[in-house]
Amino acid sequence: MHSKTSFLFATLLLSGLFLFSCTRKEIDGYSGMGKKPVYAALETLNDIRSLPPQDVVESGPIFLLDTLFFMVEQKKGIHVFNIKDSANIQNLVFLKIPAVTDFTIAGSRLYADSWRDLVTIDISDLQNIQLLDRQANAFEPLLFPPLFNGPFECVDESKGAVIGWEDAELDNVLCYTVF
């Protein structure tokens, strides 16, 4: 029993160190190459709908529901594949959910983050999904570029939701990530 407790504690500790090992700090001002946020207007976050299949560019969390395989496209939406025949996987539809990074499914409802909010979506008809509910401010979004060590333009939430980060020439920025 003791070894199970030690293993659990070590796992939690390592998980915590990994999650919090990258922090944001302020600097005096930096000019040069770094990262800057890409914003989407907050009004666009309700543009949740079914689209034709899209190419996978930056995948994220997955979910298997019977023969349907769901996979996040970071900050853009969720790909849905039919994997019933592994020799003939079909890309069925793309569920556009702006600023999504994670999700789960219960029955015919998909629950996902969308910037700061929790959205509930009816997926009973994958070709015509419906936004059922949006619970505002359910999450604290990441306000620095993930897995990046260096200077970045601080997030200005008045510009909208951060949907990505891009390399850019920076001028007098005050934020820096440290591993």
C-alpha atoms as a PDB file:
ATOM      1  CA  MET A   1       0.000   0.000   0.000  1.00  0.00           C
ATOM      2  CA  HIS A   2       2.863   2.368   0.824  1.00  0.00           C
ATOM      3  CA  SER A   3       4.365   2.042  -2.678  1.00  0.00           C
ATOM      4  CA  LYS A   4       1.017   2.960  -4.278  1.00  0.00           C
ATOM      5  CA  THR A   5       0.791   6.079  -2.113  1.00  0.00           C
ATOM      6  CA  SER A   6       4.383   7.047  -2.949  1.00  0.00           C
ATOM      7  CA  PHE A   7       3.761   6.482  -6.654  1.00  0.00           C
ATOM      8  CA  LEU A   8       0.593   8.603  -6.555  1.00  0.00           C
ATOM      9  CA  PHE A   9       2.363  11.395  -4.683  1.00  0.00           C
ATOM     10  CA  ALA A  10       5.326  11.339  -7.107  1.00  0.00           C
ATOM     11  CA  THR A  11       2.983  11.383 -10.088  1.00  0.00           C
ATOM     12  CA  LEU A  12       1.026  14.352  -8.719  1.00  0.00           C
ATOM     13  CA  LEU A  13       4.236  16.204  -7.875  1.00  0.00           C
ATOM     14  CA  LEU A  14       5.735  15.663 -11.326  1.00  0.00           C
ATOM     15  CA  SER A  15       2.446  16.653 -12.975  1.00  0.00           C
ATOM     16  CA  GLY A  16       2.355  19.827 -10.908  1.00  0.00           C
ATOM     17  CA  LEU A  17       5.948  20.664 -11.764  1.00  0.00           C
ATOM     18  CA  PHE A  18       5.264  20.130 -15.458  1.00  0.00           C
ATOM     19  CA  LEU A  19       2.107  22.234 -15.423  1.00  0.00           C
ATOM     20  CA  PHE A  20       3.634  25.098 -13.499  1.00  0.00           C
ATOM     21  CA  SER A  21       7.231  24.915 -14.702  1.00  0.00           C
ATOM     22  CA  CYS A  22       6.653  27.624 -17.282  1.00  0.00           C
ATOM     23  CA  THR A  23       5.792  30.955 -15.744  1.00  0.00           C
ATOM     24  CA  ARG A  24       5.432  34.506 -16.943  1.00  0.00           C
ATOM     25  CA  LYS A  25       7.616  37.265 -15.583  1.00  0.00           C
ATOM     26  CA  GLU A  26       7.889  40.942 -16.397  1.00  0.00           C
ATOM     27  CA  ILE A  27      11.085  42.394 -17.846  1.00  0.00           C
ATOM     28  CA  ASP A  28      12.304  45.954 -18.349  1.00  0.00           C
ATOM     29  CA  GLY A  29      11.613  46.027 -22.077  1.00  0.00           C
ATOM     30  CA  TYR A  30      12.858  43.921 -24.945  1.00  0.00           C
ATOM     31  CA  SER A  31      13.076  44.576 -28.672  1.00  0.00           C
ATOM     32  CA  GLY A  32      13.816  41.761 -31.094  1.00  0.00           C
ATOM     33  CA  MET A  33      12.320  38.442 -32.156  1.00  0.00           C
ATOM     34  CA  GLY A  34       9.737  36.712 -29.979  1.00  0.00           C
ATOM     35  CA  LYS A  35       6.066  35.719 -29.947  1.00  0.00           C
ATOM     36  CA  LYS A  36       2.940  37.821 -30.184  1.00  0.00           C
ATOM     37  CA  PRO A  37      -0.661  36.766 -29.604  1.00  0.00           C
ATOM     38  CA  VAL A  38      -3.140  36.276 -32.428  1.00  0.00           C
ATOM     39  CA  TYR A  39      -6.569  37.544 -31.406  1.00  0.00           C
ATOM     40  CA  ALA A  40     -10.167  36.801 -32.398  1.00  0.00           C
ATOM     41  CA  ALA A  41     -12.941  39.248 -31.609  1.00  0.00           C
ATOM     42  CA  LEU A  42     -15.052  38.006 -28.696  1.00  0.00           C
ATOM     43  CA  GLU A  43     -18.173  38.215 -30.891  1.00  0.00           C
ATOM     44  CA  THR A  44     -16.752  35.480 -33.139  1.00  0.00           C
ATOM     45  CA  LEU A  45     -16.655  32.944 -30.291  1.00  0.00           C
ATOM     46  CA  ASN A  46     -20.344  32.140 -30.862  1.00  0.00           C
ATOM     47  CA  ASP A  47     -19.650  31.150 -34.478  1.00  0.00           C
ATOM     48  CA  ILE A  48     -19.972  27.452 -33.658  1.00  0.00           C
ATOM     49  CA  ARG A  49     -21.057  25.294 -36.595  1.00  0.00           C
ATOM     50  CA  SER A  50     -20.402  22.270 -38.757  1.00  0.00           C
ATOM     51  CA  LEU A  51     -18.026  22.677 -41.690  1.00  0.00           C
ATOM     52  CA  PRO A  52     -16.681  20.325 -44.344  1.00  0.00           C
ATOM     53  CA  PRO A  53     -13.669  18.230 -43.267  1.00  0.00           C
ATOM     54  CA  GLN A  54     -10.442  20.219 -42.737  1.00  0.00           C
ATOM     55  CA  ASP A  55      -6.779  19.268 -42.773  1.00  0.00           C
ATOM     56  CA  VAL A  56      -5.198  18.476 -39.407  1.00  0.00           C
ATOM     57  CA  VAL A  57      -2.527  21.078 -38.603  1.00  0.00           C
ATOM     58  CA  GLU A  58      -2.131  21.264 -34.810  1.00  0.00           C
ATOM     59  CA  SER A  59      -3.858  18.355 -33.113  1.00  0.00           C
ATOM     60  CA  GLY A  60      -4.841  18.134 -29.470  1.00  0.00           C
ATOM     61  CA  PRO A  61      -6.943  15.980 -27.147  1.00  0.00           C
ATOM     62  CA  ILE A  62      -8.954  13.071 -28.550  1.00  0.00           C
ATOM     63  CA  PHE A  63     -12.167  11.254 -27.658  1.00  0.00           C
ATOM     64  CA  LEU A  64     -13.571   7.960 -28.960  1.00  0.00           C
ATOM     65  CA  LEU A  65     -17.356   7.507 -29.100  1.00  0.00           C
ATOM     66  CA  ASP A  66     -18.338   4.151 -30.619  1.00  0.00           C
ATOM     67  CA  THR A  67     -16.868   4.345 -34.148  1.00  0.00           C
ATOM     68  CA  LEU A  68     -16.447   8.127 -34.092  1.00  0.00           C
ATOM     69  CA  PHE A  69     -13.017   9.581 -33.350  1.00  0.00           C
ATOM     70  CA  PHE A  70     -12.989  13.243 -32.234  1.00  0.00           C
ATOM     71  CA  MET A  71      -9.733  15.256 -32.246  1.00  0.00           C
ATOM     72  CA  VAL A  72      -9.120  18.900 -31.320  1.00  0.00           C
ATOM     73  CA  GLU A  73      -7.558  21.250 -33.837  1.00  0.00           C
ATOM     74  CA  GLN A  74      -5.973  23.704 -31.386  1.00  0.00           C
ATOM     75  CA  LYS A  75      -7.936  26.970 -31.048  1.00  0.00           C
ATOM     76  CA  LYS A  76     -10.059  26.189 -34.142  1.00  0.00           C
ATOM     77  CA  GLY A  77     -12.393  23.246 -33.644  1.00  0.00           C
ATOM     78  CA  ILE A  78     -12.786  19.485 -33.597  1.00  0.00           C
ATOM     79  CA  HIS A  79     -12.249  16.970 -36.410  1.00  0.00           C
ATOM     80  CA  VAL A  80     -14.634  13.999 -36.517  1.00  0.00           C
ATOM     81  CA  PHE A  81     -13.608  10.755 -38.212  1.00  0.00           C
ATOM     82  CA  ASN A  82     -15.486   7.478 -38.737  1.00  0.00           C
ATOM     83  CA  ILE A  83     -13.014   4.710 -37.832  1.00  0.00           C
ATOM     84  CA  LYS A  84     -15.376   1.732 -38.214  1.00  0.00           C
ATOM     85  CA  ASP A  85     -13.190   0.401 -41.052  1.00  0.00           C
ATOM     86  CA  SER A  86      -9.561   1.056 -40.076  1.00  0.00           C
ATOM     87  CA  ALA A  87      -8.483   0.510 -43.692  1.00  0.00           C
ATOM     88  CA  ASN A  88     -10.889   3.223 -44.833  1.00  0.00           C
ATOM     89  CA  ILE A  89     -11.034   5.991 -42.201  1.00  0.00           C
ATOM     90  CA  GLN A  90     -13.479   8.707 -43.229  1.00  0.00           C
ATOM     91  CA  ASN A  91     -13.029  12.376 -42.340  1.00  0.00           C
ATOM     92  CA  LEU A  92     -16.693  13.242 -41.714  1.00  0.00           C
ATOM     93  CA  VAL A  93     -16.940  16.827 -40.523  1.00  0.00           C
ATOM     94  CA  PHE A  94     -15.155  19.678 -38.778  1.00  0.00           C
ATOM     95  CA  LEU A  95     -16.892  21.238 -35.770  1.00  0.00           C
ATOM     96  CA  LYS A  96     -15.858  24.893 -35.673  1.00  0.00           C
ATOM     97  CA  ILE A  97     -15.403  25.971 -32.036  1.00  0.00           C
ATOM     98  CA  PRO A  98     -13.215  29.088 -31.811  1.00  0.00           C
ATOM     99  CA  ALA A  99     -10.507  29.104 -29.108  1.00  0.00           C
ATOM    100  CA  VAL A 100     -11.048  25.434 -28.122  1.00  0.00           C
ATOM    101  CA  THR A 101      -8.240  23.487 -26.441  1.00  0.00           C
ATOM    102  CA  ASP A 102     -10.074  20.629 -24.705  1.00  0.00           C
ATOM    103  CA  PHE A 103     -13.449  18.878 -24.630  1.00  0.00           C
ATOM    104  CA  THR A 104     -15.441  15.875 -23.491  1.00  0.00           C
ATOM    105  CA  ILE A 105     -18.643  14.174 -24.624  1.00  0.00           C
ATOM    106  CA  ALA A 106     -21.599  12.795 -22.676  1.00  0.00           C
ATOM    107  CA  GLY A 107     -24.411  11.306 -24.749  1.00  0.00           C
ATOM    108  CA  SER A 108     -25.239  13.722 -27.563  1.00  0.00           C
ATOM    109  CA  ARG A 109     -23.665  16.710 -25.790  1.00  0.00           C
ATOM    110  CA  LEU A 110     -20.164  17.981 -26.339  1.00  0.00           C
ATOM    111  CA  TYR A 111     -18.648  20.188 -23.629  1.00  0.00           C
ATOM    112  CA  ALA A 112     -15.680  22.354 -24.623  1.00  0.00           C
ATOM    113  CA  ASP A 113     -13.688  25.334 -23.519  1.00  0.00           C
ATOM    114  CA  SER A 114     -13.880  28.403 -25.740  1.00  0.00           C
ATOM    115  CA  TRP A 115     -11.433  31.000 -24.410  1.00  0.00           C
ATOM    116  CA  ARG A 116     -12.806  31.667 -20.880  1.00  0.00           C
ATOM    117  CA  ASP A 117     -16.171  29.971 -21.383  1.00  0.00           C
ATOM    118  CA  LEU A 118     -17.637  26.474 -21.178  1.00  0.00           C
ATOM    119  CA  VAL A 119     -19.854  25.714 -24.182  1.00  0.00           C
ATOM    120  CA  THR A 120     -22.420  22.935 -24.423  1.00  0.00           C
ATOM    121  CA  ILE A 121     -23.145  21.752 -27.959  1.00  0.00           C
ATOM    122  CA  ASP A 122     -25.783  19.337 -29.258  1.00  0.00           C
ATOM    123  CA  ILE A 123     -23.964  16.911 -31.580  1.00  0.00           C
ATOM    124  CA  SER A 124     -26.901  14.575 -32.277  1.00  0.00           C
ATOM    125  CA  ASP A 125     -26.669  15.756 -35.919  1.00  0.00           C
ATOM    126  CA  LEU A 126     -22.962  16.230 -36.667  1.00  0.00           C
ATOM    127  CA  GLN A 127     -23.754  18.046 -39.908  1.00  0.00           C
ATOM    128  CA  ASN A 128     -25.839  20.622 -38.028  1.00  0.00           C
ATOM    129  CA  ILE A 129     -24.492  21.117 -34.506  1.00  0.00           C
ATOM    130  CA  GLN A 130     -26.252  23.548 -32.165  1.00  0.00           C
ATOM    131  CA  LEU A 131     -24.843  25.718 -29.379  1.00  0.00           C
ATOM    132  CA  LEU A 132     -27.043  25.008 -26.341  1.00  0.00           C
ATOM    133  CA  ASP A 133     -25.330  26.992 -23.610  1.00  0.00           C
ATOM    134  CA  ARG A 134     -22.339  29.205 -22.852  1.00  0.00           C
ATOM    135  CA  GLN A 135     -21.195  29.564 -19.253  1.00  0.00           C
ATOM    136  CA  ALA A 136     -19.043  32.680 -19.082  1.00  0.00           C
ATOM    137  CA  ASN A 137     -15.726  32.807 -17.237  1.00  0.00           C
ATOM    138  CA  ALA A 138     -15.560  29.113 -16.364  1.00  0.00           C
ATOM    139  CA  PHE A 139     -11.831  28.893 -17.207  1.00  0.00           C
ATOM    140  CA  GLU A 140      -8.649  30.878 -16.765  1.00  0.00           C
ATOM    141  CA  PRO A 141      -6.951  30.828 -20.196  1.00  0.00           C
ATOM    142  CA  LEU A 142      -3.204  30.567 -20.722  1.00  0.00           C
ATOM    143  CA  LEU A 143      -1.920  34.134 -21.174  1.00  0.00           C
ATOM    144  CA  PHE A 144       1.525  33.198 -22.486  1.00  0.00           C
ATOM    145  CA  PRO A 145       2.764  31.022 -25.361  1.00  0.00           C
ATOM    146  CA  PRO A 146       2.847  27.358 -24.302  1.00  0.00           C
ATOM    147  CA  LEU A 147       6.145  25.469 -24.438  1.00  0.00           C
ATOM    148  CA  PHE A 148       8.047  28.659 -25.281  1.00  0.00           C
ATOM    149  CA  ASN A 149      10.976  30.118 -23.399  1.00  0.00           C
ATOM    150  CA  GLY A 150      11.582  33.758 -24.232  1.00  0.00           C
ATOM    151  CA  PRO A 151      10.103  37.217 -24.734  1.00  0.00           C
ATOM    152  CA  PHE A 152       6.543  37.745 -25.874  1.00  0.00           C
ATOM    153  CA  GLU A 153       4.021  40.535 -26.264  1.00  0.00           C
ATOM    154  CA  CYS A 154       1.833  40.587 -23.147  1.00  0.00           C
ATOM    155  CA  VAL A 155      -1.795  39.649 -23.766  1.00  0.00           C
ATOM    156  CA  ASP A 156      -4.203  42.576 -24.026  1.00  0.00           C
ATOM    157  CA  GLU A 157      -7.628  41.018 -23.389  1.00  0.00           C
ATOM    158  CA  SER A 158      -9.351  44.155 -24.708  1.00  0.00           C
ATOM    159  CA  LYS A 159      -8.248  42.943 -28.179  1.00  0.00           C
ATOM    160  CA  GLY A 160     -10.208  39.679 -27.853  1.00  0.00           C
ATOM    161  CA  ALA A 161      -9.516  36.000 -27.264  1.00  0.00           C
ATOM    162  CA  VAL A 162      -6.049  34.585 -27.923  1.00  0.00           C
ATOM    163  CA  ILE A 163      -6.349  31.915 -30.619  1.00  0.00           C
ATOM    164  CA  GLY A 164      -2.665  31.405 -31.271  1.00  0.00           C
ATOM    165  CA  TRP A 165       0.859  32.783 -31.165  1.00  0.00           C
ATOM    166  CA  GLU A 166       3.113  33.847 -34.021  1.00  0.00           C
ATOM    167  CA  ASP A 167       6.768  34.733 -34.409  1.00  0.00           C
ATOM    168  CA  ALA A 168       7.209  38.496 -34.686  1.00  0.00           C
ATOM    169  CA  GLU A 169       9.609  41.382 -34.356  1.00  0.00           C
ATOM    170  CA  LEU A 170       8.797  42.855 -30.944  1.00  0.00           C
ATOM    171  CA  ASP A 171       9.299  46.399 -29.715  1.00  0.00           C
ATOM    172  CA  ASN A 172       9.742  47.158 -26.006  1.00  0.00           C
ATOM    173  CA  VAL A 173       7.756  44.168 -24.687  1.00  0.00           C
ATOM    174  CA  LEU A 174       7.509  43.510 -20.972  1.00  0.00           C
ATOM    175  CA  CYS A 175       6.686  39.779 -20.769  1.00  0.00           C
ATOM    176  CA  TYR A 176       8.944  36.738 -20.751  1.00  0.00           C
ATOM    177  CA  THR A 177       8.385  33.033 -20.093  1.00  0.00           C
ATOM    178  CA  VAL A 178      10.796  31.075 -17.929  1.00  0.00           C
ATOM    179  CA  PHE A 179      11.091  27.302 -17.618  1.00  0.00           C
END
